[in-house]
């Protein structure tokens, strides 16, 4: 995912892998491994160097479609948040419900452990 985003952003900016390597100070082979998802979790320092050269915010590297405006949140998560709002639970209040959520999680783990 990150690799594909970096690859697309690099190509859109007309940069070769060698140019990105030279400008960022990251080896060409390591960049290639990132783009091919061999290294799926590069450090934040590496991502910052890449984002600086590509002149984008870090989020553009890690969220698919963010730079093109085609970012769509996970449908189930969106529906869940919508349902929470309908019940009157707002983002600011979620910590109040965390203890209940933790209890339900503990209960479910207990039930599944017995099976």
N, C-alpha and C. Protein backbone atom coordinates (compact mmCIF):
# COMPACT_ATOMS: atom_id res chain seq x y z
N UNK A 1 0.83 -1.19 0.00
CA UNK A 1 0.00 0.00 0.00
C UNK A 1 0.87 1.25 0.00
N UNK A 2 1.77 1.39 0.98
CA UNK A 2 2.64 2.55 1.03
C UNK A 2 3.51 2.60 -0.22
N UNK A 3 4.03 1.44 -0.59
CA UNK A 3 4.90 1.35 -1.76
C UNK A 3 4.21 1.82 -3.03
N UNK A 4 2.96 1.39 -3.19
CA UNK A 4 2.20 1.77 -4.39
C UNK A 4 1.98 3.29 -4.41
N UNK A 5 1.65 3.85 -3.24
CA UNK A 5 1.45 5.30 -3.16
C UNK A 5 2.72 6.06 -3.51
N UNK A 6 3.84 5.61 -2.97
CA UNK A 6 5.12 6.27 -3.25
C UNK A 6 5.44 6.17 -4.73
N UNK A 7 5.24 4.98 -5.29
CA UNK A 7 5.51 4.78 -6.71
C UNK A 7 4.68 5.73 -7.58
N UNK A 8 3.38 5.81 -7.29
CA UNK A 8 2.50 6.68 -8.08
C UNK A 8 2.88 8.15 -7.93
N UNK A 9 3.16 8.57 -6.70
CA UNK A 9 3.54 9.97 -6.49
C UNK A 9 4.86 10.29 -7.18
N UNK A 10 5.81 9.37 -7.09
CA UNK A 10 7.11 9.58 -7.74
C UNK A 10 6.94 9.71 -9.25
N UNK A 11 6.17 8.80 -9.84
CA UNK A 11 5.94 8.83 -11.30
C UNK A 11 5.19 10.09 -11.71
N UNK A 12 4.19 10.48 -10.90
CA UNK A 12 3.43 11.70 -11.21
C UNK A 12 4.31 12.95 -11.20
N UNK A 13 5.37 12.90 -10.44
CA UNK A 13 6.28 14.04 -10.37
C UNK A 13 7.42 13.93 -11.38
N UNK A 14 7.39 12.86 -12.17
CA UNK A 14 8.38 12.69 -13.22
C UNK A 14 9.76 12.32 -12.72
N UNK A 15 9.82 11.71 -11.55
CA UNK A 15 11.11 11.33 -10.99
C UNK A 15 11.39 9.85 -11.22
N UNK A 16 12.63 9.55 -11.54
CA UNK A 16 13.04 8.15 -11.62
C UNK A 16 13.39 7.68 -10.21
N UNK A 17 13.51 6.39 -10.06
CA UNK A 17 13.91 5.83 -8.77
C UNK A 17 15.29 6.35 -8.38
N UNK A 18 16.17 6.46 -9.36
CA UNK A 18 17.52 6.99 -9.11
C UNK A 18 17.48 8.43 -8.61
N UNK A 19 16.61 9.25 -9.20
CA UNK A 19 16.50 10.65 -8.79
C UNK A 19 15.96 10.76 -7.36
N UNK A 20 14.95 9.97 -7.05
CA UNK A 20 14.40 9.98 -5.70
C UNK A 20 15.46 9.53 -4.71
N UNK A 21 16.21 8.53 -5.08
CA UNK A 21 17.29 8.03 -4.22
C UNK A 21 18.32 9.11 -3.96
N UNK A 22 18.75 9.74 -5.01
CA UNK A 22 19.78 10.78 -4.90
C UNK A 22 19.31 11.95 -4.04
N UNK A 23 18.11 12.42 -4.27
CA UNK A 23 17.58 13.58 -3.56
C UNK A 23 17.24 13.29 -2.10
N UNK A 24 16.82 12.04 -1.82
CA UNK A 24 16.40 11.70 -0.46
C UNK A 24 17.53 11.14 0.39
N UNK A 25 18.59 10.66 -0.27
CA UNK A 25 19.68 10.04 0.47
C UNK A 25 19.37 8.61 0.89
N UNK A 26 18.37 8.02 0.26
CA UNK A 26 17.97 6.63 0.54
C UNK A 26 18.44 5.78 -0.63
N UNK A 27 18.99 4.61 -0.33
CA UNK A 27 19.52 3.79 -1.41
C UNK A 27 18.42 3.40 -2.40
N UNK A 28 18.83 3.32 -3.64
CA UNK A 28 17.90 2.96 -4.72
C UNK A 28 17.28 1.59 -4.46
N UNK A 29 18.08 0.64 -4.00
CA UNK A 29 17.55 -0.72 -3.76
C UNK A 29 16.52 -0.72 -2.64
N UNK A 30 16.76 0.10 -1.60
CA UNK A 30 15.79 0.16 -0.50
C UNK A 30 14.49 0.80 -0.97
N UNK A 31 14.59 1.88 -1.75
CA UNK A 31 13.39 2.51 -2.31
C UNK A 31 12.62 1.54 -3.20
N UNK A 32 13.35 0.79 -4.00
CA UNK A 32 12.72 -0.20 -4.87
C UNK A 32 11.98 -1.24 -4.04
N UNK A 33 12.61 -1.68 -2.96
CA UNK A 33 11.96 -2.66 -2.07
C UNK A 33 10.70 -2.10 -1.42
N UNK A 34 10.73 -0.82 -1.08
CA UNK A 34 9.54 -0.18 -0.51
C UNK A 34 8.43 -0.14 -1.56
N UNK A 35 8.76 0.31 -2.76
CA UNK A 35 7.75 0.43 -3.82
C UNK A 35 7.16 -0.92 -4.20
N UNK A 36 7.96 -1.97 -4.11
CA UNK A 36 7.47 -3.31 -4.46
C UNK A 36 6.88 -4.04 -3.26
N UNK A 37 6.73 -3.33 -2.15
CA UNK A 37 6.16 -3.86 -0.91
C UNK A 37 6.96 -5.02 -0.33
N UNK A 38 8.26 -5.06 -0.62
CA UNK A 38 9.14 -6.02 0.05
C UNK A 38 9.36 -5.52 1.48
N UNK A 39 9.58 -4.21 1.61
CA UNK A 39 9.64 -3.54 2.92
C UNK A 39 8.32 -2.79 3.07
N UNK A 40 7.40 -3.38 3.83
CA UNK A 40 6.06 -2.81 3.92
C UNK A 40 5.91 -1.76 5.01
N UNK A 41 6.90 -1.66 5.89
CA UNK A 41 6.76 -0.75 7.02
C UNK A 41 8.02 0.09 7.22
N UNK A 42 8.31 1.01 6.30
CA UNK A 42 9.51 1.84 6.47
C UNK A 42 9.35 2.77 7.67
N UNK A 43 10.48 3.18 8.23
CA UNK A 43 10.46 4.06 9.40
C UNK A 43 9.89 5.43 9.04
N UNK A 44 9.48 6.14 10.06
CA UNK A 44 8.94 7.48 9.86
C UNK A 44 10.01 8.41 9.29
N UNK A 45 11.27 8.18 9.66
CA UNK A 45 12.36 9.01 9.14
C UNK A 45 12.50 8.82 7.63
N UNK A 46 12.40 7.58 7.18
CA UNK A 46 12.48 7.29 5.74
C UNK A 46 11.31 7.94 5.03
N UNK A 47 10.11 7.78 5.58
CA UNK A 47 8.92 8.37 4.96
C UNK A 47 9.01 9.89 4.90
N UNK A 48 9.57 10.50 5.93
CA UNK A 48 9.73 11.96 5.93
C UNK A 48 10.68 12.41 4.81
N UNK A 49 11.76 11.67 4.63
CA UNK A 49 12.70 12.02 3.56
C UNK A 49 12.03 11.92 2.19
N UNK A 50 11.26 10.86 2.01
CA UNK A 50 10.55 10.66 0.73
C UNK A 50 9.51 11.75 0.53
N UNK A 51 8.73 12.04 1.57
CA UNK A 51 7.68 13.06 1.43
C UNK A 51 8.27 14.43 1.17
N UNK A 52 9.43 14.72 1.75
CA UNK A 52 10.10 16.01 1.48
C UNK A 52 10.46 16.14 0.01
N UNK A 53 11.04 15.09 -0.55
CA UNK A 53 11.45 15.13 -1.96
C UNK A 53 10.23 15.20 -2.87
N UNK A 54 9.18 14.45 -2.52
CA UNK A 54 7.97 14.44 -3.36
C UNK A 54 7.08 15.65 -3.09
N UNK A 55 7.45 16.42 -2.05
CA UNK A 55 6.71 17.63 -1.69
C UNK A 55 5.24 17.34 -1.38
N UNK A 56 5.03 16.34 -0.51
CA UNK A 56 3.68 15.97 -0.06
C UNK A 56 3.69 15.76 1.45
N UNK A 57 2.53 15.84 2.05
CA UNK A 57 2.40 15.50 3.46
C UNK A 57 2.55 14.00 3.63
N UNK A 58 2.96 13.57 4.81
CA UNK A 58 3.13 12.14 5.09
C UNK A 58 1.86 11.33 4.81
N UNK A 59 0.72 11.90 5.09
CA UNK A 59 -0.54 11.18 4.90
C UNK A 59 -0.71 10.72 3.45
N UNK A 60 -0.15 11.47 2.53
CA UNK A 60 -0.24 11.09 1.11
C UNK A 60 0.50 9.79 0.82
N UNK A 61 1.49 9.47 1.63
CA UNK A 61 2.24 8.24 1.43
C UNK A 61 1.54 7.03 2.04
N UNK A 62 0.81 7.24 3.13
CA UNK A 62 0.26 6.09 3.86
C UNK A 62 -1.22 5.83 3.65
N UNK A 63 -1.95 6.81 3.10
CA UNK A 63 -3.39 6.62 2.88
C UNK A 63 -3.66 6.54 1.38
N UNK A 64 -4.10 5.36 0.91
CA UNK A 64 -4.36 5.21 -0.53
C UNK A 64 -5.40 6.20 -1.04
N UNK A 65 -5.09 6.86 -2.14
CA UNK A 65 -6.04 7.76 -2.76
C UNK A 65 -6.16 9.12 -2.12
N UNK A 66 -5.45 9.35 -1.02
CA UNK A 66 -5.58 10.63 -0.33
C UNK A 66 -5.16 11.79 -1.21
N UNK A 67 -4.03 11.64 -1.91
CA UNK A 67 -3.52 12.75 -2.72
C UNK A 67 -4.42 13.07 -3.91
N UNK A 68 -5.13 12.06 -4.40
CA UNK A 68 -5.97 12.29 -5.57
C UNK A 68 -7.40 12.69 -5.19
N UNK A 69 -7.67 12.73 -3.89
CA UNK A 69 -9.01 13.07 -3.44
C UNK A 69 -9.98 11.91 -3.54
N UNK A 70 -9.47 10.70 -3.83
CA UNK A 70 -10.33 9.52 -3.95
C UNK A 70 -10.36 8.70 -2.68
N UNK A 71 -9.92 9.28 -1.56
CA UNK A 71 -9.89 8.56 -0.30
C UNK A 71 -11.32 8.32 0.18
N UNK A 72 -11.63 7.07 0.41
CA UNK A 72 -12.93 6.71 0.95
C UNK A 72 -12.72 5.95 2.25
N UNK A 73 -13.32 6.41 3.33
CA UNK A 73 -13.15 5.69 4.59
C UNK A 73 -13.78 4.30 4.51
N UNK A 74 -13.33 3.42 5.36
CA UNK A 74 -13.87 2.09 5.45
C UNK A 74 -15.39 2.18 5.66
N UNK A 75 -16.16 1.51 4.80
CA UNK A 75 -17.62 1.62 4.83
C UNK A 75 -18.20 1.18 6.17
N UNK A 76 -17.73 0.05 6.71
CA UNK A 76 -18.26 -0.44 7.98
C UNK A 76 -17.95 0.52 9.12
N UNK A 77 -16.74 1.07 9.10
CA UNK A 77 -16.37 2.03 10.13
C UNK A 77 -17.23 3.28 10.03
N UNK A 78 -17.45 3.75 8.82
CA UNK A 78 -18.30 4.91 8.60
C UNK A 78 -19.72 4.65 9.11
N UNK A 79 -20.27 3.48 8.81
CA UNK A 79 -21.62 3.13 9.25
C UNK A 79 -21.68 3.03 10.77
N UNK A 80 -20.62 2.48 11.38
CA UNK A 80 -20.56 2.37 12.83
C UNK A 80 -20.57 3.76 13.48
N UNK A 81 -19.76 4.65 12.97
CA UNK A 81 -19.69 6.02 13.50
C UNK A 81 -21.03 6.72 13.31
N UNK A 82 -21.66 6.51 12.17
CA UNK A 82 -22.97 7.10 11.92
C UNK A 82 -23.99 6.61 12.95
N UNK A 83 -23.97 5.31 13.24
CA UNK A 83 -24.89 4.76 14.25
C UNK A 83 -24.60 5.33 15.63
N UNK A 84 -23.33 5.48 15.98
CA UNK A 84 -22.98 6.07 17.27
C UNK A 84 -23.55 7.49 17.38
N UNK A 85 -23.41 8.26 16.31
CA UNK A 85 -23.92 9.63 16.33
C UNK A 85 -25.43 9.66 16.48
N UNK A 86 -26.11 8.70 15.84
CA UNK A 86 -27.58 8.64 15.95
C UNK A 86 -28.02 8.40 17.39
N UNK A 87 -27.20 7.66 18.15
CA UNK A 87 -27.55 7.38 19.54
C UNK A 87 -27.15 8.50 20.48
N UNK A 88 -26.50 9.53 19.93
CA UNK A 88 -26.11 10.66 20.75
C UNK A 88 -24.67 10.62 21.24
N UNK A 89 -23.93 9.59 20.85
CA UNK A 89 -22.53 9.48 21.26
C UNK A 89 -21.67 10.25 20.26
N UNK A 90 -20.97 11.24 20.77
CA UNK A 90 -20.07 12.04 19.95
C UNK A 90 -18.63 11.65 20.25
N UNK A 91 -17.74 12.05 19.36
CA UNK A 91 -16.32 11.73 19.50
C UNK A 91 -15.79 12.16 20.87
N UNK A 92 -16.23 13.30 21.33
CA UNK A 92 -15.77 13.83 22.61
C UNK A 92 -16.17 12.95 23.79
N UNK A 93 -17.23 12.15 23.63
CA UNK A 93 -17.74 11.32 24.72
C UNK A 93 -17.26 9.88 24.69
N UNK A 94 -16.52 9.50 23.69
CA UNK A 94 -16.17 8.09 23.51
C UNK A 94 -15.39 7.52 24.68
N UNK A 95 -14.57 8.33 25.33
CA UNK A 95 -13.79 7.83 26.48
C UNK A 95 -14.71 7.37 27.62
N UNK A 96 -15.88 7.98 27.72
CA UNK A 96 -16.84 7.58 28.75
C UNK A 96 -17.33 6.15 28.53
N UNK A 97 -17.31 5.71 27.29
CA UNK A 97 -17.81 4.38 26.95
C UNK A 97 -16.71 3.34 26.83
N UNK A 98 -15.46 3.78 26.94
CA UNK A 98 -14.34 2.86 26.79
C UNK A 98 -14.37 1.75 27.83
N UNK A 99 -14.70 2.07 29.05
CA UNK A 99 -14.74 1.05 30.11
C UNK A 99 -15.78 -0.02 29.79
N UNK A 100 -16.92 0.39 29.28
CA UNK A 100 -17.95 -0.57 28.89
C UNK A 100 -17.48 -1.43 27.73
N UNK A 101 -16.84 -0.81 26.76
CA UNK A 101 -16.32 -1.54 25.60
C UNK A 101 -15.27 -2.55 26.04
N UNK A 102 -14.38 -2.14 26.96
CA UNK A 102 -13.36 -3.06 27.47
C UNK A 102 -14.00 -4.24 28.20
N UNK A 103 -15.07 -3.99 28.95
CA UNK A 103 -15.75 -5.06 29.66
C UNK A 103 -16.38 -6.06 28.67
N UNK A 104 -17.03 -5.55 27.65
CA UNK A 104 -17.64 -6.41 26.64
C UNK A 104 -16.57 -7.23 25.93
N UNK A 105 -15.46 -6.61 25.62
CA UNK A 105 -14.34 -7.31 24.98
C UNK A 105 -13.84 -8.43 25.89
N UNK A 106 -13.66 -8.13 27.17
CA UNK A 106 -13.21 -9.13 28.13
C UNK A 106 -14.19 -10.29 28.21
N UNK A 107 -15.47 -9.98 28.23
CA UNK A 107 -16.52 -11.01 28.29
C UNK A 107 -16.46 -11.91 27.06
N UNK A 108 -16.32 -11.30 25.89
CA UNK A 108 -16.25 -12.08 24.65
C UNK A 108 -15.02 -12.98 24.62
N UNK A 109 -13.90 -12.48 25.10
CA UNK A 109 -12.67 -13.29 25.14
C UNK A 109 -12.84 -14.47 26.09
N UNK A 110 -13.52 -14.25 27.19
CA UNK A 110 -13.79 -15.29 28.19
C UNK A 110 -14.67 -16.39 27.58
N UNK A 111 -15.71 -15.98 26.85
CA UNK A 111 -16.61 -16.94 26.22
C UNK A 111 -15.88 -17.75 25.17
N UNK A 112 -15.07 -17.09 24.34
CA UNK A 112 -14.35 -17.77 23.27
C UNK A 112 -13.26 -18.69 23.82
N UNK A 113 -12.71 -18.36 24.98
CA UNK A 113 -11.66 -19.19 25.58
C UNK A 113 -12.24 -20.53 26.07
N UNK A 114 -13.51 -20.53 26.44
CA UNK A 114 -14.17 -21.76 26.92
C UNK A 114 -14.45 -22.74 25.79
N UNK A 115 -14.55 -22.25 24.56
CA UNK A 115 -14.90 -23.10 23.42
C UNK A 115 -13.76 -23.94 22.98
